[in-house]
Amino acid sequence: MRVDITIEKGKVKNFVIQLEAMVLGGWKAVVRYNYAHGFPHKDIMLSDGSKAKERIPETDLNEVVKYAINDIKQNWENYLKRCGYAQD
C-alpha cells in the first residue's frame, strides 16, 4: 500500500491511498483512493487496462482517508483477484 497525505492545521487537504501489485518487475496500481479532480473517489484498474471510477459521497477527507486505508487492509486480496492480478 502506498500512502501520501497532505495535512494542514490537522486536516487532510489532499491524499492518495493506493494498492499496488508487482507485475513483470514493476509496480502497477490496482485500487487508488484520491482527491484528484476536486472530489474524493476510488479508481479500480483492471489488468486488461480498463478503469472504473467511483465517487465517494463523504466530504470529510480525514474520514475518507481512514475508510480507504481500512478498505485496502481488509480487502486487498479480493481486489487483486477482482482486478486480474491474482488467482482464486
N, C-alpha and C. Protein backbone atom coordinates (compact mmCIF):
# COMPACT_ATOMS: atom_id res chain seq x y z
N MET A 1 0.85 -1.17 0.00
CA MET A 1 0.00 0.00 0.00
C MET A 1 0.89 1.23 0.00
N ARG A 2 0.58 2.16 -0.88
CA ARG A 2 1.30 3.44 -0.94
C ARG A 2 0.38 4.51 -0.36
N VAL A 3 0.91 5.32 0.53
CA VAL A 3 0.11 6.35 1.20
C VAL A 3 0.84 7.69 1.08
N ASP A 4 0.11 8.70 0.61
CA ASP A 4 0.65 10.06 0.53
C ASP A 4 -0.47 11.01 0.98
N ILE A 5 -0.26 11.66 2.10
CA ILE A 5 -1.30 12.52 2.68
C ILE A 5 -0.70 13.90 2.95
N THR A 6 -1.40 14.95 2.53
CA THR A 6 -1.03 16.32 2.84
C THR A 6 -1.99 16.82 3.92
N ILE A 7 -1.42 17.25 5.05
CA ILE A 7 -2.22 17.73 6.17
C ILE A 7 -1.85 19.17 6.47
N GLU A 8 -2.85 20.01 6.65
CA GLU A 8 -2.66 21.40 7.05
C GLU A 8 -3.56 21.69 8.24
N LYS A 9 -2.96 22.17 9.33
CA LYS A 9 -3.70 22.50 10.55
C LYS A 9 -4.58 21.34 11.02
N GLY A 10 -4.03 20.13 10.94
CA GLY A 10 -4.70 18.95 11.45
C GLY A 10 -5.77 18.36 10.55
N LYS A 11 -5.94 18.91 9.35
CA LYS A 11 -6.96 18.40 8.44
C LYS A 11 -6.32 17.95 7.13
N VAL A 12 -6.81 16.84 6.62
CA VAL A 12 -6.34 16.33 5.34
C VAL A 12 -6.76 17.29 4.24
N LYS A 13 -5.81 17.70 3.42
CA LYS A 13 -6.08 18.59 2.29
C LYS A 13 -5.99 17.86 0.96
N ASN A 14 -5.18 16.81 0.92
CA ASN A 14 -5.02 16.02 -0.30
C ASN A 14 -4.49 14.65 0.11
N PHE A 15 -4.77 13.64 -0.71
CA PHE A 15 -4.31 12.29 -0.35
C PHE A 15 -4.32 11.37 -1.57
N VAL A 16 -3.50 10.33 -1.46
CA VAL A 16 -3.53 9.18 -2.36
C VAL A 16 -3.28 7.96 -1.49
N ILE A 17 -4.21 7.02 -1.51
CA ILE A 17 -4.06 5.73 -0.83
C ILE A 17 -4.19 4.71 -1.95
N GLN A 18 -3.14 3.92 -2.18
CA GLN A 18 -3.12 3.09 -3.38
C GLN A 18 -2.61 1.69 -3.08
N LEU A 19 -3.36 0.69 -3.56
CA LEU A 19 -2.91 -0.70 -3.53
C LEU A 19 -2.17 -0.96 -4.82
N GLU A 20 -0.97 -1.54 -4.71
CA GLU A 20 -0.17 -1.82 -5.89
C GLU A 20 0.21 -3.29 -5.93
N ALA A 21 0.44 -3.80 -7.13
CA ALA A 21 0.86 -5.19 -7.31
C ALA A 21 2.13 -5.20 -8.16
N MET A 22 3.04 -6.11 -7.84
CA MET A 22 4.26 -6.28 -8.64
C MET A 22 3.89 -7.10 -9.88
N VAL A 23 4.08 -6.50 -11.04
CA VAL A 23 3.74 -7.16 -12.30
C VAL A 23 4.92 -6.99 -13.26
N LEU A 24 5.47 -8.11 -13.70
CA LEU A 24 6.58 -8.10 -14.65
C LEU A 24 7.70 -7.15 -14.22
N GLY A 25 8.07 -7.21 -12.96
CA GLY A 25 9.19 -6.43 -12.45
C GLY A 25 8.89 -4.98 -12.13
N GLY A 26 7.64 -4.57 -12.23
CA GLY A 26 7.28 -3.19 -11.91
C GLY A 26 5.99 -3.13 -11.11
N TRP A 27 5.77 -2.03 -10.43
CA TRP A 27 4.56 -1.86 -9.63
C TRP A 27 3.44 -1.29 -10.48
N LYS A 28 2.24 -1.87 -10.35
CA LYS A 28 1.05 -1.39 -11.05
C LYS A 28 -0.02 -1.05 -10.03
N ALA A 29 -0.69 0.06 -10.23
CA ALA A 29 -1.80 0.45 -9.36
C ALA A 29 -2.97 -0.49 -9.61
N VAL A 30 -3.60 -0.93 -8.53
CA VAL A 30 -4.78 -1.80 -8.60
C VAL A 30 -6.01 -1.02 -8.16
N VAL A 31 -5.94 -0.42 -6.99
CA VAL A 31 -7.01 0.41 -6.45
C VAL A 31 -6.39 1.69 -5.91
N ARG A 32 -7.00 2.82 -6.25
CA ARG A 32 -6.46 4.10 -5.78
C ARG A 32 -7.61 4.98 -5.28
N TYR A 33 -7.49 5.39 -4.04
CA TYR A 33 -8.38 6.42 -3.49
C TYR A 33 -7.61 7.73 -3.57
N ASN A 34 -8.26 8.80 -4.04
CA ASN A 34 -7.59 10.09 -4.04
C ASN A 34 -8.59 11.23 -4.13
N TYR A 35 -8.04 12.43 -4.15
CA TYR A 35 -8.84 13.66 -4.18
C TYR A 35 -8.56 14.45 -5.45
N ALA A 36 -8.07 13.77 -6.47
CA ALA A 36 -7.85 14.44 -7.76
C ALA A 36 -9.20 14.85 -8.34
N HIS A 37 -9.20 15.81 -9.20
CA HIS A 37 -10.41 16.31 -9.87
C HIS A 37 -11.35 17.04 -8.91
N GLY A 38 -10.88 17.33 -7.68
CA GLY A 38 -11.67 18.12 -6.75
C GLY A 38 -12.74 17.37 -5.97
N PHE A 39 -12.73 16.05 -6.03
CA PHE A 39 -13.68 15.27 -5.25
C PHE A 39 -13.05 13.93 -4.88
N PRO A 40 -13.40 13.39 -3.70
CA PRO A 40 -12.84 12.09 -3.30
C PRO A 40 -13.47 10.96 -4.12
N HIS A 41 -12.63 10.05 -4.59
CA HIS A 41 -13.11 8.94 -5.38
C HIS A 41 -12.15 7.76 -5.31
N LYS A 42 -12.63 6.63 -5.83
CA LYS A 42 -11.82 5.41 -5.90
C LYS A 42 -11.73 4.99 -7.35
N ASP A 43 -10.50 4.74 -7.82
CA ASP A 43 -10.27 4.20 -9.15
C ASP A 43 -9.90 2.73 -9.00
N ILE A 44 -10.52 1.89 -9.82
CA ILE A 44 -10.19 0.47 -9.84
C ILE A 44 -9.61 0.19 -11.22
N MET A 45 -8.35 -0.28 -11.26
CA MET A 45 -7.66 -0.53 -12.51
C MET A 45 -7.54 -2.03 -12.74
N LEU A 46 -8.16 -2.52 -13.81
CA LEU A 46 -8.10 -3.94 -14.13
C LEU A 46 -6.83 -4.26 -14.92
N SER A 47 -6.43 -5.52 -14.85
CA SER A 47 -5.19 -5.93 -15.53
C SER A 47 -5.28 -5.79 -17.04
N ASP A 48 -6.50 -5.71 -17.60
CA ASP A 48 -6.64 -5.54 -19.05
C ASP A 48 -6.52 -4.08 -19.48
N GLY A 49 -6.25 -3.18 -18.52
CA GLY A 49 -6.07 -1.77 -18.82
C GLY A 49 -7.31 -0.92 -18.63
N SER A 50 -8.47 -1.53 -18.43
CA SER A 50 -9.68 -0.75 -18.21
C SER A 50 -9.71 -0.21 -16.78
N LYS A 51 -10.52 0.83 -16.57
CA LYS A 51 -10.55 1.51 -15.28
C LYS A 51 -11.97 1.96 -14.98
N ALA A 52 -12.33 1.90 -13.70
CA ALA A 52 -13.64 2.39 -13.26
C ALA A 52 -13.42 3.40 -12.14
N LYS A 53 -14.23 4.45 -12.14
CA LYS A 53 -14.14 5.50 -11.11
C LYS A 53 -15.43 5.48 -10.31
N GLU A 54 -15.29 5.46 -8.98
CA GLU A 54 -16.44 5.50 -8.08
C GLU A 54 -16.32 6.74 -7.19
N ARG A 55 -17.29 7.62 -7.29
CA ARG A 55 -17.32 8.82 -6.45
C ARG A 55 -17.62 8.42 -5.01
N ILE A 56 -16.97 9.06 -4.04
CA ILE A 56 -17.20 8.80 -2.63
C ILE A 56 -18.01 9.98 -2.07
N PRO A 57 -19.21 9.70 -1.52
CA PRO A 57 -20.07 10.78 -1.08
C PRO A 57 -19.58 11.54 0.16
N GLU A 58 -18.72 10.92 0.95
CA GLU A 58 -18.19 11.56 2.17
C GLU A 58 -17.36 12.78 1.79
N THR A 59 -17.57 13.91 2.50
CA THR A 59 -16.81 15.13 2.20
C THR A 59 -15.70 15.41 3.19
N ASP A 60 -15.71 14.76 4.35
CA ASP A 60 -14.64 14.92 5.35
C ASP A 60 -13.46 14.05 4.92
N LEU A 61 -12.42 14.69 4.41
CA LEU A 61 -11.29 13.95 3.87
C LEU A 61 -10.57 13.12 4.93
N ASN A 62 -10.58 13.56 6.19
CA ASN A 62 -9.99 12.75 7.27
C ASN A 62 -10.70 11.40 7.34
N GLU A 63 -12.02 11.41 7.22
CA GLU A 63 -12.81 10.17 7.26
C GLU A 63 -12.58 9.32 6.02
N VAL A 64 -12.46 9.97 4.87
CA VAL A 64 -12.22 9.23 3.63
C VAL A 64 -10.89 8.49 3.71
N VAL A 65 -9.85 9.15 4.23
CA VAL A 65 -8.54 8.52 4.37
C VAL A 65 -8.63 7.30 5.29
N LYS A 66 -9.29 7.44 6.43
CA LYS A 66 -9.45 6.29 7.34
C LYS A 66 -10.17 5.15 6.64
N TYR A 67 -11.25 5.47 5.94
CA TYR A 67 -12.02 4.46 5.25
C TYR A 67 -11.16 3.76 4.19
N ALA A 68 -10.43 4.54 3.39
CA ALA A 68 -9.62 3.98 2.31
C ALA A 68 -8.55 3.03 2.84
N ILE A 69 -7.86 3.43 3.89
CA ILE A 69 -6.81 2.58 4.46
C ILE A 69 -7.42 1.29 4.99
N ASN A 70 -8.53 1.39 5.71
CA ASN A 70 -9.18 0.19 6.25
C ASN A 70 -9.70 -0.71 5.14
N ASP A 71 -10.28 -0.11 4.10
CA ASP A 71 -10.81 -0.90 2.99
C ASP A 71 -9.70 -1.71 2.32
N ILE A 72 -8.59 -1.07 2.04
CA ILE A 72 -7.49 -1.77 1.37
C ILE A 72 -6.88 -2.83 2.29
N LYS A 73 -6.72 -2.52 3.57
CA LYS A 73 -6.19 -3.51 4.51
C LYS A 73 -7.08 -4.75 4.58
N GLN A 74 -8.39 -4.55 4.59
CA GLN A 74 -9.32 -5.66 4.75
C GLN A 74 -9.60 -6.40 3.44
N ASN A 75 -9.48 -5.73 2.31
CA ASN A 75 -9.93 -6.31 1.04
C ASN A 75 -8.86 -6.45 -0.04
N TRP A 76 -7.58 -6.30 0.32
CA TRP A 76 -6.53 -6.29 -0.70
C TRP A 76 -6.52 -7.58 -1.53
N GLU A 77 -6.74 -8.73 -0.90
CA GLU A 77 -6.72 -9.98 -1.66
C GLU A 77 -7.87 -10.03 -2.66
N ASN A 78 -9.06 -9.58 -2.24
CA ASN A 78 -10.21 -9.56 -3.14
C ASN A 78 -9.97 -8.61 -4.31
N TYR A 79 -9.37 -7.44 -4.04
CA TYR A 79 -9.08 -6.50 -5.12
C TYR A 79 -8.10 -7.11 -6.13
N LEU A 80 -7.06 -7.77 -5.65
CA LEU A 80 -6.10 -8.38 -6.57
C LEU A 80 -6.77 -9.43 -7.45
N LYS A 81 -7.64 -10.24 -6.88
CA LYS A 81 -8.36 -11.25 -7.66
C LYS A 81 -9.33 -10.58 -8.63
N ARG A 82 -10.12 -9.66 -8.12
CA ARG A 82 -11.16 -8.99 -8.93
C ARG A 82 -10.56 -8.26 -10.14
N CYS A 83 -9.39 -7.70 -9.93
CA CYS A 83 -8.75 -6.90 -10.99
C CYS A 83 -7.87 -7.72 -11.91
N GLY A 84 -7.73 -9.01 -11.62
CA GLY A 84 -6.97 -9.88 -12.51
C GLY A 84 -5.48 -9.99 -12.20
N TYR A 85 -5.08 -9.66 -10.99
CA TYR A 85 -3.67 -9.72 -10.60
C TYR A 85 -3.33 -10.91 -9.72
N ALA A 86 -4.33 -11.74 -9.39
CA ALA A 86 -4.09 -12.91 -8.55
C ALA A 86 -5.06 -14.01 -8.93
N GLN A 87 -4.67 -15.23 -8.66
CA GLN A 87 -5.51 -16.41 -8.93
C GLN A 87 -6.46 -16.63 -7.76
N ASP A 88 -7.59 -17.27 -8.02
CA ASP A 88 -8.52 -17.65 -6.94
C ASP A 88 -7.95 -18.74 -6.07
